[in-house]
Amino acid sequence: MEIEKAIKLLKADKNLISRKVTRHTFYEYEEAVQALEKQIPKKPVWRHDTQLCCSNCGAAVYRDVHWNYCQCGQKIDWEDEQ
């Protein structure tokens, strides 16, 4: 299943069951969606034209250290970055 489709299904399920489950379960759906969203690669962003940072949390990322993932769990898209 594609990540985007899984996110869409979880969000739809969460909306349907929001009145039938505990608040704890409701937040578990949110956490699952957030975890899946981090699996969609995002390009790092430049800060002050000198530092590449995670577009999710803002932490500095280095291609030689953070090969595929930032410390926050965001998948990094290094394509086109030098």
N, C-alpha and C. Protein backbone atom coordinates (compact mmCIF):
# COMPACT_ATOMS: atom_id res chain seq x y z
N MET A 1 0.85 -1.18 0.00
CA MET A 1 0.00 0.00 0.00
C MET A 1 0.89 1.24 0.00
N GLU A 2 0.51 2.22 -0.78
CA GLU A 2 1.26 3.46 -0.82
C GLU A 2 1.09 4.22 0.49
N ILE A 3 2.12 4.93 0.86
CA ILE A 3 2.10 5.67 2.13
C ILE A 3 0.97 6.69 2.13
N GLU A 4 0.83 7.42 1.04
CA GLU A 4 -0.21 8.45 0.98
C GLU A 4 -1.61 7.85 1.14
N LYS A 5 -1.82 6.68 0.54
CA LYS A 5 -3.12 6.01 0.65
C LYS A 5 -3.37 5.55 2.09
N ALA A 6 -2.33 5.02 2.73
CA ALA A 6 -2.46 4.58 4.12
C ALA A 6 -2.80 5.76 5.02
N ILE A 7 -2.17 6.91 4.79
CA ILE A 7 -2.46 8.11 5.58
C ILE A 7 -3.91 8.52 5.39
N LYS A 8 -4.37 8.52 4.16
CA LYS A 8 -5.75 8.91 3.85
C LYS A 8 -6.74 7.97 4.56
N LEU A 9 -6.47 6.67 4.52
CA LEU A 9 -7.36 5.70 5.16
C LEU A 9 -7.38 5.87 6.68
N LEU A 10 -6.20 6.09 7.27
CA LEU A 10 -6.15 6.28 8.73
C LEU A 10 -6.91 7.54 9.14
N LYS A 11 -6.76 8.60 8.38
CA LYS A 11 -7.47 9.84 8.71
C LYS A 11 -8.98 9.65 8.59
N ALA A 12 -9.41 8.92 7.57
CA ALA A 12 -10.84 8.65 7.40
C ALA A 12 -11.37 7.79 8.54
N ASP A 13 -10.61 6.74 8.90
CA ASP A 13 -11.02 5.88 10.01
C ASP A 13 -11.11 6.67 11.31
N LYS A 14 -10.14 7.54 11.55
CA LYS A 14 -10.11 8.33 12.78
C LYS A 14 -11.36 9.20 12.87
N ASN A 15 -11.74 9.80 11.75
CA ASN A 15 -12.94 10.64 11.75
C ASN A 15 -14.20 9.83 12.01
N LEU A 16 -14.26 8.60 11.49
CA LEU A 16 -15.44 7.76 11.68
C LEU A 16 -15.59 7.27 13.11
N ILE A 17 -14.46 6.98 13.76
CA ILE A 17 -14.54 6.38 15.09
C ILE A 17 -14.33 7.38 16.22
N SER A 18 -14.19 8.65 15.90
CA SER A 18 -13.82 9.64 16.91
C SER A 18 -14.78 9.68 18.10
N ARG A 19 -16.02 9.33 17.91
CA ARG A 19 -16.99 9.35 19.02
C ARG A 19 -17.12 8.01 19.72
N LYS A 20 -16.46 6.99 19.18
CA LYS A 20 -16.65 5.64 19.71
C LYS A 20 -15.43 5.08 20.45
N VAL A 21 -14.34 5.82 20.49
CA VAL A 21 -13.12 5.30 21.12
C VAL A 21 -12.63 6.26 22.20
N THR A 22 -11.70 5.79 22.98
CA THR A 22 -11.12 6.63 24.02
C THR A 22 -10.20 7.68 23.40
N ARG A 23 -9.91 8.69 24.15
CA ARG A 23 -9.00 9.74 23.69
C ARG A 23 -7.62 9.15 23.39
N HIS A 24 -7.23 8.15 24.19
CA HIS A 24 -5.93 7.49 23.99
C HIS A 24 -5.84 6.88 22.60
N THR A 25 -6.86 6.15 22.19
CA THR A 25 -6.89 5.54 20.86
C THR A 25 -6.89 6.59 19.77
N PHE A 26 -7.61 7.67 19.99
CA PHE A 26 -7.67 8.76 19.03
C PHE A 26 -6.26 9.31 18.77
N TYR A 27 -5.49 9.51 19.82
CA TYR A 27 -4.13 10.02 19.67
C TYR A 27 -3.20 9.00 19.02
N GLU A 28 -3.47 7.73 19.20
CA GLU A 28 -2.66 6.70 18.53
C GLU A 28 -2.83 6.79 17.02
N TYR A 29 -4.03 7.10 16.57
CA TYR A 29 -4.24 7.32 15.13
C TYR A 29 -3.40 8.49 14.65
N GLU A 30 -3.38 9.57 15.41
CA GLU A 30 -2.59 10.74 15.05
C GLU A 30 -1.11 10.39 14.97
N GLU A 31 -0.61 9.65 15.92
CA GLU A 31 0.79 9.25 15.93
C GLU A 31 1.12 8.36 14.74
N ALA A 32 0.21 7.47 14.39
CA ALA A 32 0.42 6.60 13.23
C ALA A 32 0.50 7.43 11.95
N VAL A 33 -0.37 8.40 11.81
CA VAL A 33 -0.36 9.27 10.63
C VAL A 33 0.95 10.06 10.59
N GLN A 34 1.37 10.62 11.71
CA GLN A 34 2.61 11.39 11.75
C GLN A 34 3.82 10.51 11.40
N ALA A 35 3.83 9.28 11.88
CA ALA A 35 4.93 8.37 11.57
C ALA A 35 4.97 8.04 10.09
N LEU A 36 3.80 7.82 9.50
CA LEU A 36 3.75 7.55 8.06
C LEU A 36 4.17 8.76 7.26
N GLU A 37 3.76 9.95 7.67
CA GLU A 37 4.12 11.16 6.95
C GLU A 37 5.63 11.38 6.95
N LYS A 38 6.30 10.95 7.99
CA LYS A 38 7.76 11.08 8.04
C LYS A 38 8.46 10.14 7.07
N GLN A 39 7.76 9.12 6.59
CA GLN A 39 8.35 8.19 5.63
C GLN A 39 8.33 8.73 4.21
N ILE A 40 7.63 9.83 4.00
CA ILE A 40 7.63 10.48 2.69
C ILE A 40 8.87 11.38 2.65
N PRO A 41 9.83 11.10 1.76
CA PRO A 41 11.08 11.86 1.75
C PRO A 41 10.85 13.35 1.50
N LYS A 42 11.53 14.17 2.30
CA LYS A 42 11.48 15.62 2.13
C LYS A 42 12.90 16.13 1.98
N LYS A 43 13.05 17.10 1.11
CA LYS A 43 14.36 17.71 0.90
C LYS A 43 14.75 18.55 2.11
N PRO A 44 16.03 18.55 2.45
CA PRO A 44 16.48 19.44 3.52
C PRO A 44 16.40 20.89 3.04
N VAL A 45 16.32 21.80 3.97
CA VAL A 45 16.23 23.23 3.62
C VAL A 45 17.51 23.93 4.07
N TRP A 46 17.87 24.96 3.34
CA TRP A 46 19.06 25.74 3.69
C TRP A 46 18.70 26.78 4.73
N ARG A 47 19.53 26.89 5.74
CA ARG A 47 19.40 27.95 6.75
C ARG A 47 20.65 28.82 6.66
N HIS A 48 20.44 30.08 6.53
CA HIS A 48 21.54 31.05 6.48
C HIS A 48 22.52 30.73 5.35
N ASP A 49 22.06 30.06 4.32
CA ASP A 49 22.86 29.69 3.14
C ASP A 49 24.11 28.87 3.47
N THR A 50 24.20 28.33 4.67
CA THR A 50 25.39 27.56 5.02
C THR A 50 25.07 26.20 5.62
N GLN A 51 23.85 26.00 6.10
CA GLN A 51 23.51 24.80 6.85
C GLN A 51 22.28 24.12 6.27
N LEU A 52 22.38 22.82 5.98
CA LEU A 52 21.21 22.06 5.57
C LEU A 52 20.49 21.56 6.81
N CYS A 53 19.18 21.76 6.84
CA CYS A 53 18.38 21.37 8.01
C CYS A 53 17.19 20.54 7.59
N CYS A 54 16.72 19.73 8.51
CA CYS A 54 15.53 18.91 8.31
C CYS A 54 14.32 19.83 8.14
N SER A 55 13.53 19.58 7.12
CA SER A 55 12.35 20.41 6.87
C SER A 55 11.24 20.12 7.87
N ASN A 56 11.35 19.03 8.63
CA ASN A 56 10.34 18.69 9.62
C ASN A 56 10.63 19.33 10.98
N CYS A 57 11.86 19.16 11.48
CA CYS A 57 12.17 19.62 12.84
C CYS A 57 13.18 20.76 12.90
N GLY A 58 13.87 21.02 11.80
CA GLY A 58 14.84 22.11 11.78
C GLY A 58 16.23 21.74 12.24
N ALA A 59 16.46 20.49 12.62
CA ALA A 59 17.78 20.05 13.06
C ALA A 59 18.74 20.01 11.88
N ALA A 60 20.00 20.29 12.16
CA ALA A 60 21.03 20.20 11.12
C ALA A 60 21.16 18.76 10.65
N VAL A 61 21.28 18.57 9.34
CA VAL A 61 21.47 17.23 8.78
C VAL A 61 22.70 17.26 7.88
N TYR A 62 23.42 16.17 7.91
CA TYR A 62 24.64 16.02 7.12
C TYR A 62 24.53 14.73 6.34
N ARG A 63 24.82 14.82 5.05
CA ARG A 63 24.65 13.66 4.19
C ARG A 63 25.51 12.48 4.66
N ASP A 64 26.69 12.73 5.14
CA ASP A 64 27.57 11.64 5.56
C ASP A 64 27.16 11.01 6.89
N VAL A 65 26.37 11.72 7.70
CA VAL A 65 25.92 11.20 9.00
C VAL A 65 24.47 10.73 8.93
N HIS A 66 23.60 11.55 8.38
CA HIS A 66 22.16 11.26 8.30
C HIS A 66 21.84 10.78 6.88
N TRP A 67 22.29 9.61 6.55
CA TRP A 67 22.17 9.11 5.19
C TRP A 67 20.74 9.18 4.66
N ASN A 68 19.82 8.66 5.41
CA ASN A 68 18.44 8.61 4.94
C ASN A 68 17.44 9.27 5.87
N TYR A 69 17.77 9.37 7.16
CA TYR A 69 16.79 9.86 8.13
C TYR A 69 17.41 10.89 9.07
N CYS A 70 16.61 11.87 9.45
CA CYS A 70 16.99 12.84 10.47
C CYS A 70 16.79 12.17 11.83
N GLN A 71 17.31 12.79 12.87
CA GLN A 71 17.13 12.26 14.22
C GLN A 71 15.67 12.23 14.65
N CYS A 72 14.81 13.05 14.02
CA CYS A 72 13.38 13.07 14.35
C CYS A 72 12.62 11.95 13.65
N GLY A 73 13.29 11.26 12.71
CA GLY A 73 12.64 10.18 11.99
C GLY A 73 12.20 10.55 10.58
N GLN A 74 12.34 11.81 10.21
CA GLN A 74 11.96 12.25 8.87
C GLN A 74 12.91 11.67 7.84
N LYS A 75 12.36 11.05 6.80
CA LYS A 75 13.19 10.54 5.72
C LYS A 75 13.67 11.72 4.88
N ILE A 76 14.97 11.75 4.60
CA ILE A 76 15.58 12.86 3.88
C ILE A 76 15.74 12.50 2.41
N ASP A 77 15.36 13.41 1.54
CA ASP A 77 15.54 13.26 0.09
C ASP A 77 16.79 14.04 -0.29
N TRP A 78 17.90 13.32 -0.48
CA TRP A 78 19.17 13.96 -0.79
C TRP A 78 19.34 14.19 -2.28
N GLU A 79 18.40 13.77 -3.12
CA GLU A 79 18.53 13.95 -4.56
C GLU A 79 18.69 15.43 -4.87
N ASP A 80 19.61 15.73 -5.75
CA ASP A 80 19.92 17.10 -6.20
C ASP A 80 20.66 17.92 -5.17
N GLU A 81 20.98 17.37 -3.99
CA GLU A 81 21.77 18.10 -2.99
C GLU A 81 23.24 17.73 -3.17
N GLN A 82 24.11 18.72 -3.05
CA GLN A 82 25.54 18.47 -3.23
C GLN A 82 26.25 18.50 -1.92
